[in-house]
Amino acid sequence: MRLSPILPPLPALRAFEAAARLLSFRQAGEELLITQSAVSHHIRQLEDSLGAPLFLRHARGVTLTEAGAQYLAAVRQAFGLIAEATREVRAHATRQALRVSMVPSFAANWLVPRLDRFAAAHPDIDLILDPTLRKVDVPNGEADIGIRYGAGPEPGDGLAGRLLHMDRLAPVAAPALLRRGPPLRAPGDLLTHPLLFTIRPLEWRVWAAAAGVELQAARTVQLTDYNIVLQAAVEGQGVAMGRALLVQDRVRAGTLVSLFPEVVVETPQVAHWLVWAAARAPTPAMTAFIGWIVAAVADAAPAAPGGMLDVAPAASGGMLDVG
């Protein structure tokens, strides 16, 4: 590497800084693991390149000249800037980015309010969230991890995964709708109210089959995603199918009321799943996120009611990524 005609060699600067700080060529050599004569050679080389003496040599040691004191202040500042830049580069190099795709309803109603907890537990991971209704291509790298809603990975789709949470399904409605009527005393009474659907309302079909309700006769309102369904339910515009993990905060706050506790359905066909590319081993960041979210969901999941039904619907499952 060609030396700069302006900047002195780094070994000479290091020798100067140590000798000037310690006021001893011998101690500087011990600190730098070089000989005293090597330190003296570096200092002389530096003084020659600057055209000015930096030290006054005495029988019992050295002292800085005025030029040496000024140069020491500048060299220390420069070394401090280099050290800080080095720390920043190293810190950036050790950080890990993790892209997670999920349905918007899970992001808005569960994950986002807990992001500060993940950041506190894993400050070295930069989490990039991609809430979308589109089923991203996880095997081809569009995301590191997908949080899918529906059934689990199917053979041949290139995905590995694990069950995150089986949703407990029960209809929910706003107190205003219940006051307005007609009354909702039994599952069949749902047919007297508008039912709020997503594009593919598998959860409604699963619950209705368990409750013995014929949805063909229902008045339905189809909405784009589950966030809009919940908002419409809060506004009293109809009855939504409650996914327990996502509606529990609204139920606790009293903006929604859970209906028919005797018919609460739980099934892996309507669940949240963690998926990742089967062909690639999980990175440390992926492993950390999976471990964190599995524990966090387990802590947050509402207790199972006594009347819960575990059913396996005949309808085709598959990853919905809707809601």
Protein backbone atom coordinates (compact mmCIF):
# COMPACT_ATOMS: atom_id res chain seq x y z
CA MET A 1 0.00 0.00 0.00
CA ARG A 2 1.41 3.40 -0.98
CA LEU A 3 2.05 5.70 1.99
CA SER A 4 0.41 9.13 2.05
CA PRO A 5 2.87 12.00 1.47
CA ILE A 6 0.96 13.96 4.13
CA LEU A 7 -0.08 11.47 6.82
CA PRO A 8 2.73 9.93 8.92
CA PRO A 9 2.87 6.14 9.42
CA LEU A 10 0.39 4.80 11.99
CA PRO A 11 3.11 2.92 14.01
CA ALA A 12 4.96 6.21 14.48
CA LEU A 13 1.79 7.94 15.68
CA ARG A 14 1.04 5.13 18.13
CA ALA A 15 4.60 5.31 19.49
CA PHE A 16 4.34 9.08 19.84
CA GLU A 17 0.98 8.97 21.64
CA ALA A 18 2.18 6.35 24.13
CA ALA A 19 5.52 8.09 24.78
CA ALA A 20 3.87 11.51 25.14
CA ARG A 21 1.23 10.14 27.51
CA LEU A 22 3.76 8.23 29.64
CA LEU A 23 6.68 10.64 29.14
CA SER A 24 8.91 7.59 28.78
CA PHE A 25 10.21 5.80 25.69
CA ARG A 26 10.87 2.71 27.81
CA GLN A 27 7.31 2.50 29.20
CA ALA A 28 5.89 3.22 25.76
CA GLY A 29 7.86 0.28 24.37
CA GLU A 30 6.57 -2.00 27.13
CA GLU A 31 2.98 -0.94 26.42
CA LEU A 32 3.33 -1.43 22.66
CA LEU A 33 5.39 -4.63 22.99
CA ILE A 34 8.34 -3.16 21.08
CA THR A 35 11.84 -2.15 22.18
CA GLN A 36 12.79 1.26 23.55
CA SER A 37 15.06 1.80 20.57
CA ALA A 38 12.15 1.07 18.22
CA VAL A 39 10.11 3.74 19.98
CA SER A 40 12.99 6.19 19.65
CA HIS A 41 13.29 5.33 15.94
CA HIS A 42 9.55 5.96 15.35
CA ILE A 43 9.70 9.29 17.20
CA ARG A 44 12.76 10.44 15.24
CA GLN A 45 11.05 9.42 11.97
CA LEU A 46 7.95 11.39 12.96
CA GLU A 47 9.96 14.48 13.94
CA ASP A 48 11.86 14.35 10.65
CA SER A 49 8.61 14.18 8.66
CA LEU A 50 7.13 17.10 10.62
CA GLY A 51 10.28 19.20 10.60
CA ALA A 52 9.96 20.00 14.30
CA PRO A 53 11.08 18.36 17.56
CA LEU A 54 8.31 16.81 19.65
CA PHE A 55 10.31 15.91 22.75
CA LEU A 56 13.10 17.41 24.80
CA ARG A 57 15.49 14.62 25.77
CA HIS A 58 16.87 14.75 29.31
CA ALA A 59 19.18 12.45 31.23
CA ARG A 60 16.27 11.16 33.29
CA GLY A 61 13.50 11.20 30.73
CA VAL A 62 11.69 13.30 28.17
CA THR A 63 9.25 16.21 28.13
CA LEU A 64 7.04 17.52 25.36
CA THR A 65 7.90 20.58 23.37
CA GLU A 66 5.17 23.13 22.69
CA ALA A 67 4.74 21.59 19.23
CA GLY A 68 4.65 18.13 20.82
CA ALA A 69 1.87 19.11 23.25
CA GLN A 70 -0.22 20.59 20.43
CA TYR A 71 0.37 17.54 18.26
CA LEU A 72 -0.57 15.16 21.09
CA ALA A 73 -3.96 16.85 21.49
CA ALA A 74 -4.67 16.47 17.77
CA VAL A 75 -3.45 12.87 17.66
CA ARG A 76 -5.61 11.91 20.65
CA GLN A 77 -8.66 13.48 19.02
CA ALA A 78 -7.97 11.64 15.77
CA PHE A 79 -7.48 8.33 17.58
CA GLY A 80 -10.76 8.93 19.44
CA LEU A 81 -12.62 9.47 16.17
CA ILE A 82 -11.11 6.32 14.68
CA ALA A 83 -12.01 4.31 17.80
CA GLU A 84 -15.62 5.55 17.76
CA ALA A 85 -16.00 4.81 14.04
CA THR A 86 -14.56 1.34 14.61
CA ARG A 87 -17.07 0.65 17.40
CA GLU A 88 -19.96 1.78 15.20
CA VAL A 89 -18.89 -0.40 12.28
CA ARG A 90 -18.40 -3.42 14.53
CA ALA A 91 -21.75 -2.89 16.21
CA HIS A 92 -23.49 -2.63 12.84
CA ALA A 93 -21.71 -5.73 11.57
CA THR A 94 -22.96 -7.78 14.53
CA ARG A 95 -26.60 -6.67 14.21
CA GLN A 96 -29.03 -9.05 12.55
CA ALA A 97 -32.00 -8.05 10.40
CA LEU A 98 -35.09 -10.25 10.51
CA ARG A 99 -38.02 -9.82 8.12
CA VAL A 100 -41.33 -11.20 9.41
CA SER A 101 -44.47 -11.35 7.29
CA MET A 102 -47.89 -11.67 8.90
CA VAL A 103 -51.56 -10.89 8.43
CA PRO A 104 -52.41 -7.28 9.37
CA SER A 105 -54.84 -8.32 12.11
CA PHE A 106 -52.16 -10.21 14.02
CA ALA A 107 -49.73 -7.31 13.66
CA ALA A 108 -52.18 -4.62 14.79
CA ASN A 109 -54.02 -6.49 17.53
CA TRP A 110 -51.26 -8.54 19.11
CA LEU A 111 -47.66 -8.13 17.90
CA VAL A 112 -47.14 -4.37 17.60
CA PRO A 113 -48.18 -3.60 21.22
CA ARG A 114 -45.45 -6.05 22.35
CA LEU A 115 -42.58 -5.00 20.07
CA ASP A 116 -40.86 -3.07 22.85
CA ARG A 117 -40.56 -6.31 24.83
CA PHE A 118 -38.83 -8.07 21.95
CA ALA A 119 -36.49 -5.12 21.42
CA ALA A 120 -35.55 -5.14 25.10
CA ALA A 121 -34.87 -8.88 25.05
CA HIS A 122 -32.97 -8.84 21.73
CA PRO A 123 -31.41 -5.39 21.12
CA ASP A 124 -29.06 -6.83 18.47
CA ILE A 125 -31.93 -7.82 16.13
CA ASP A 126 -33.53 -5.30 13.75
CA LEU A 127 -37.09 -6.54 13.26
CA ILE A 128 -38.67 -5.65 9.90
CA LEU A 129 -42.43 -6.24 9.91
CA ASP A 130 -44.39 -6.80 6.70
CA PRO A 131 -48.14 -6.85 7.48
CA THR A 132 -49.85 -7.95 4.27
CA LEU A 133 -52.84 -9.87 2.97
CA ARG A 134 -50.61 -11.27 0.24
CA LYS A 135 -49.10 -14.70 0.83
CA VAL A 136 -45.41 -13.85 0.57
CA ASP A 137 -42.99 -16.37 -0.93
CA VAL A 138 -41.06 -17.41 2.18
CA PRO A 139 -39.14 -20.29 0.51
CA ASN A 140 -37.72 -17.84 -2.06
CA GLY A 141 -36.65 -15.30 0.54
CA GLU A 142 -39.43 -12.68 0.53
CA ALA A 143 -39.47 -13.09 4.32
CA ASP A 144 -37.42 -14.95 6.89
CA ILE A 145 -40.47 -15.98 8.91
CA GLY A 146 -44.16 -15.94 8.07
CA ILE A 147 -46.97 -15.87 10.61
CA ARG A 148 -49.82 -17.48 8.70
CA TYR A 149 -53.48 -17.87 9.60
CA GLY A 150 -55.32 -21.03 8.66
CA ALA A 151 -53.98 -24.60 8.60
CA GLY A 152 -50.35 -25.59 8.83
CA PRO A 153 -47.73 -26.12 6.10
CA GLU A 154 -48.63 -28.67 3.46
CA PRO A 155 -46.29 -31.23 1.84
CA GLY A 156 -44.44 -29.81 -1.14
CA ASP A 157 -44.87 -26.12 -0.29
CA GLY A 158 -41.24 -25.77 0.76
CA LEU A 159 -42.12 -24.67 4.29
CA ALA A 160 -41.19 -25.86 7.72
CA GLY A 161 -43.18 -24.60 10.65
CA ARG A 162 -44.77 -24.99 14.02
CA LEU A 163 -48.14 -24.24 15.54
CA LEU A 164 -48.09 -20.89 17.31
CA HIS A 165 -51.64 -20.71 18.62
CA MET A 166 -54.96 -22.45 17.97
CA ASP A 167 -57.57 -19.73 17.96
CA ARG A 168 -60.63 -20.13 20.16
CA LEU A 169 -63.60 -19.02 18.13
CA ALA A 170 -66.77 -17.46 19.51
CA PRO A 171 -68.99 -14.69 18.09
CA VAL A 172 -68.56 -11.17 19.49
CA ALA A 173 -70.75 -8.09 19.30
CA ALA A 174 -70.87 -4.55 20.64
CA PRO A 175 -72.96 -3.83 23.76
CA ALA A 176 -74.96 -1.33 21.70
CA LEU A 177 -76.03 -4.05 19.26
CA LEU A 178 -77.12 -6.28 22.15
CA ARG A 179 -79.17 -3.46 23.67
CA ARG A 180 -80.76 -2.64 20.32
CA GLY A 181 -81.79 -6.25 19.66
CA PRO A 182 -83.13 -8.59 18.51
CA PRO A 183 -81.89 -10.66 21.46
CA LEU A 184 -79.08 -13.20 21.09
CA ARG A 185 -79.99 -16.00 23.47
CA ALA A 186 -79.04 -19.02 21.33
CA PRO A 187 -76.74 -19.56 18.31
CA GLY A 188 -79.68 -19.63 15.94
CA ASP A 189 -80.53 -16.05 16.90
CA LEU A 190 -77.46 -14.92 14.92
CA LEU A 191 -79.57 -15.14 11.77
CA THR A 192 -81.48 -12.08 12.94
CA HIS A 193 -78.34 -9.92 12.72
CA PRO A 194 -75.82 -9.13 9.97
CA LEU A 195 -72.76 -11.38 10.18
CA LEU A 196 -69.43 -9.75 9.42
CA PHE A 197 -67.21 -11.88 7.15
CA THR A 198 -63.69 -11.63 5.81
CA ILE A 199 -63.04 -12.63 2.19
CA ARG A 200 -62.66 -16.29 3.15
CA PRO A 201 -64.65 -16.75 6.37
CA LEU A 202 -63.42 -20.23 7.28
CA GLU A 203 -63.73 -19.50 11.00
CA TRP A 204 -67.46 -18.73 10.61
CA ARG A 205 -68.02 -22.00 8.73
CA VAL A 206 -66.13 -23.98 11.38
CA TRP A 207 -68.00 -22.41 14.28
CA ALA A 208 -71.42 -22.62 12.59
CA ALA A 209 -70.92 -26.33 11.89
CA ALA A 210 -70.15 -26.95 15.58
CA ALA A 211 -73.10 -24.81 16.71
CA GLY A 212 -75.58 -26.23 14.22
CA VAL A 213 -76.27 -22.89 12.51
CA GLU A 214 -77.08 -22.78 8.77
CA LEU A 215 -75.18 -19.83 7.34
CA GLN A 216 -76.98 -19.97 3.99
CA ALA A 217 -79.89 -18.08 5.54
CA ALA A 218 -77.70 -15.43 7.18
CA ARG A 219 -77.41 -11.79 6.19
CA THR A 220 -73.70 -11.22 5.64
CA VAL A 221 -71.40 -8.25 5.15
CA GLN A 222 -68.09 -9.15 3.50
CA LEU A 223 -65.12 -6.96 4.44
CA THR A 224 -61.52 -6.96 3.26
CA ASP A 225 -59.70 -8.04 6.38
CA TYR A 226 -60.21 -8.86 10.02
CA ASN A 227 -59.17 -5.43 11.31
CA ILE A 228 -62.12 -3.91 9.43
CA VAL A 229 -64.40 -6.69 10.67
CA LEU A 230 -63.51 -5.88 14.29
CA GLN A 231 -64.01 -2.16 13.77
CA ALA A 232 -67.41 -2.74 12.21
CA ALA A 233 -68.35 -4.98 15.15
CA VAL A 234 -67.27 -2.32 17.67
CA GLU A 235 -69.47 0.18 15.79
CA GLY A 236 -72.44 -2.16 16.24
CA GLN A 237 -72.84 -2.95 12.55
CA GLY A 238 -73.07 -6.71 13.02
CA VAL A 239 -71.68 -9.80 14.73
CA ALA A 240 -68.06 -10.81 14.14
CA MET A 241 -66.40 -14.15 14.73
CA GLY A 242 -64.05 -13.51 17.60
CA ARG A 243 -60.52 -14.88 17.49
CA ALA A 244 -59.81 -15.01 21.22
CA LEU A 245 -56.17 -13.95 21.07
CA LEU A 246 -57.01 -10.89 18.97
CA VAL A 247 -60.23 -9.74 20.66
CA GLN A 248 -59.36 -10.31 24.32
CA ASP A 249 -58.28 -6.69 24.88
CA ARG A 250 -61.54 -5.39 23.44
CA VAL A 251 -63.55 -7.87 25.52
CA ARG A 252 -61.70 -6.79 28.67
CA ALA A 253 -62.33 -3.14 27.78
CA GLY A 254 -66.03 -3.84 27.24
CA THR A 255 -66.17 -2.63 23.63
CA LEU A 256 -67.04 -6.18 22.54
CA VAL A 257 -68.93 -8.95 24.30
CA SER A 258 -68.26 -12.65 23.73
CA LEU A 259 -71.41 -14.65 22.92
CA PHE A 260 -72.45 -18.26 23.53
CA PRO A 261 -69.66 -19.52 25.84
CA GLU A 262 -71.15 -23.00 25.57
CA VAL A 263 -69.94 -23.21 21.93
CA VAL A 264 -66.31 -22.13 21.68
CA VAL A 265 -64.36 -23.90 18.95
CA GLU A 266 -60.64 -24.64 18.89
CA THR A 267 -59.01 -26.36 15.90
CA PRO A 268 -55.58 -26.41 14.17
CA GLN A 269 -57.44 -25.70 10.92
CA VAL A 270 -58.00 -22.14 12.13
CA ALA A 271 -54.77 -21.23 13.85
CA HIS A 272 -51.68 -19.06 13.68
CA TRP A 273 -48.59 -20.86 12.39
CA LEU A 274 -44.93 -19.91 12.22
CA VAL A 275 -43.38 -20.91 8.88
CA TRP A 276 -39.92 -20.60 7.33
CA ALA A 277 -38.05 -22.04 4.37
CA ALA A 278 -37.54 -25.77 4.85
CA ALA A 279 -34.38 -25.77 2.72
CA ARG A 280 -32.52 -23.32 4.98
CA ALA A 281 -31.51 -23.76 8.59
CA PRO A 282 -32.95 -21.05 10.89
CA THR A 283 -30.53 -18.23 11.63
CA PRO A 284 -29.78 -17.21 15.24
CA ALA A 285 -32.14 -14.25 14.80
CA MET A 286 -34.93 -16.53 13.59
CA THR A 287 -34.38 -18.91 16.49
CA ALA A 288 -34.48 -16.01 18.94
CA PHE A 289 -37.72 -14.60 17.49
CA ILE A 290 -39.44 -17.99 17.37
CA GLY A 291 -38.53 -18.70 20.98
CA TRP A 292 -39.68 -15.27 22.10
CA ILE A 293 -43.03 -15.23 20.30
CA VAL A 294 -43.95 -18.79 21.30
CA ALA A 295 -43.40 -17.89 24.96
CA ALA A 296 -45.16 -14.52 24.62
CA VAL A 297 -48.26 -16.03 22.98
CA ALA A 298 -48.40 -18.77 25.61
CA ASP A 299 -48.35 -16.11 28.35
CA ALA A 300 -50.99 -13.97 26.64
CA ALA A 301 -53.39 -16.66 25.43
CA PRO A 302 -56.79 -16.51 27.15
CA ALA A 303 -57.80 -19.45 29.33
CA ALA A 304 -59.88 -22.14 27.67
CA PRO A 305 -63.59 -21.93 28.58
CA GLY A 306 -65.38 -25.00 29.90
CA GLY A 307 -67.65 -25.36 26.86
CA MET A 308 -64.85 -25.34 24.29
CA LEU A 309 -65.17 -27.77 21.38
CA ASP A 310 -62.16 -29.22 19.55
CA VAL A 311 -63.27 -29.89 15.97
CA ALA A 312 -61.64 -30.80 12.68
CA PRO A 313 -63.78 -29.22 9.93
CA ALA A 314 -64.28 -31.00 6.65
CA ALA A 315 -63.65 -27.78 4.74
CA SER A 316 -60.24 -27.50 3.11
CA GLY A 317 -57.72 -25.74 5.33
CA GLY A 318 -54.60 -24.21 3.86
CA MET A 319 -52.86 -21.01 4.76
CA LEU A 320 -55.43 -18.23 4.47
CA ASP A 321 -53.26 -15.17 5.15
CA VAL A 322 -56.47 -13.17 5.29
CA GLY A 323 -57.31 -10.90 8.17
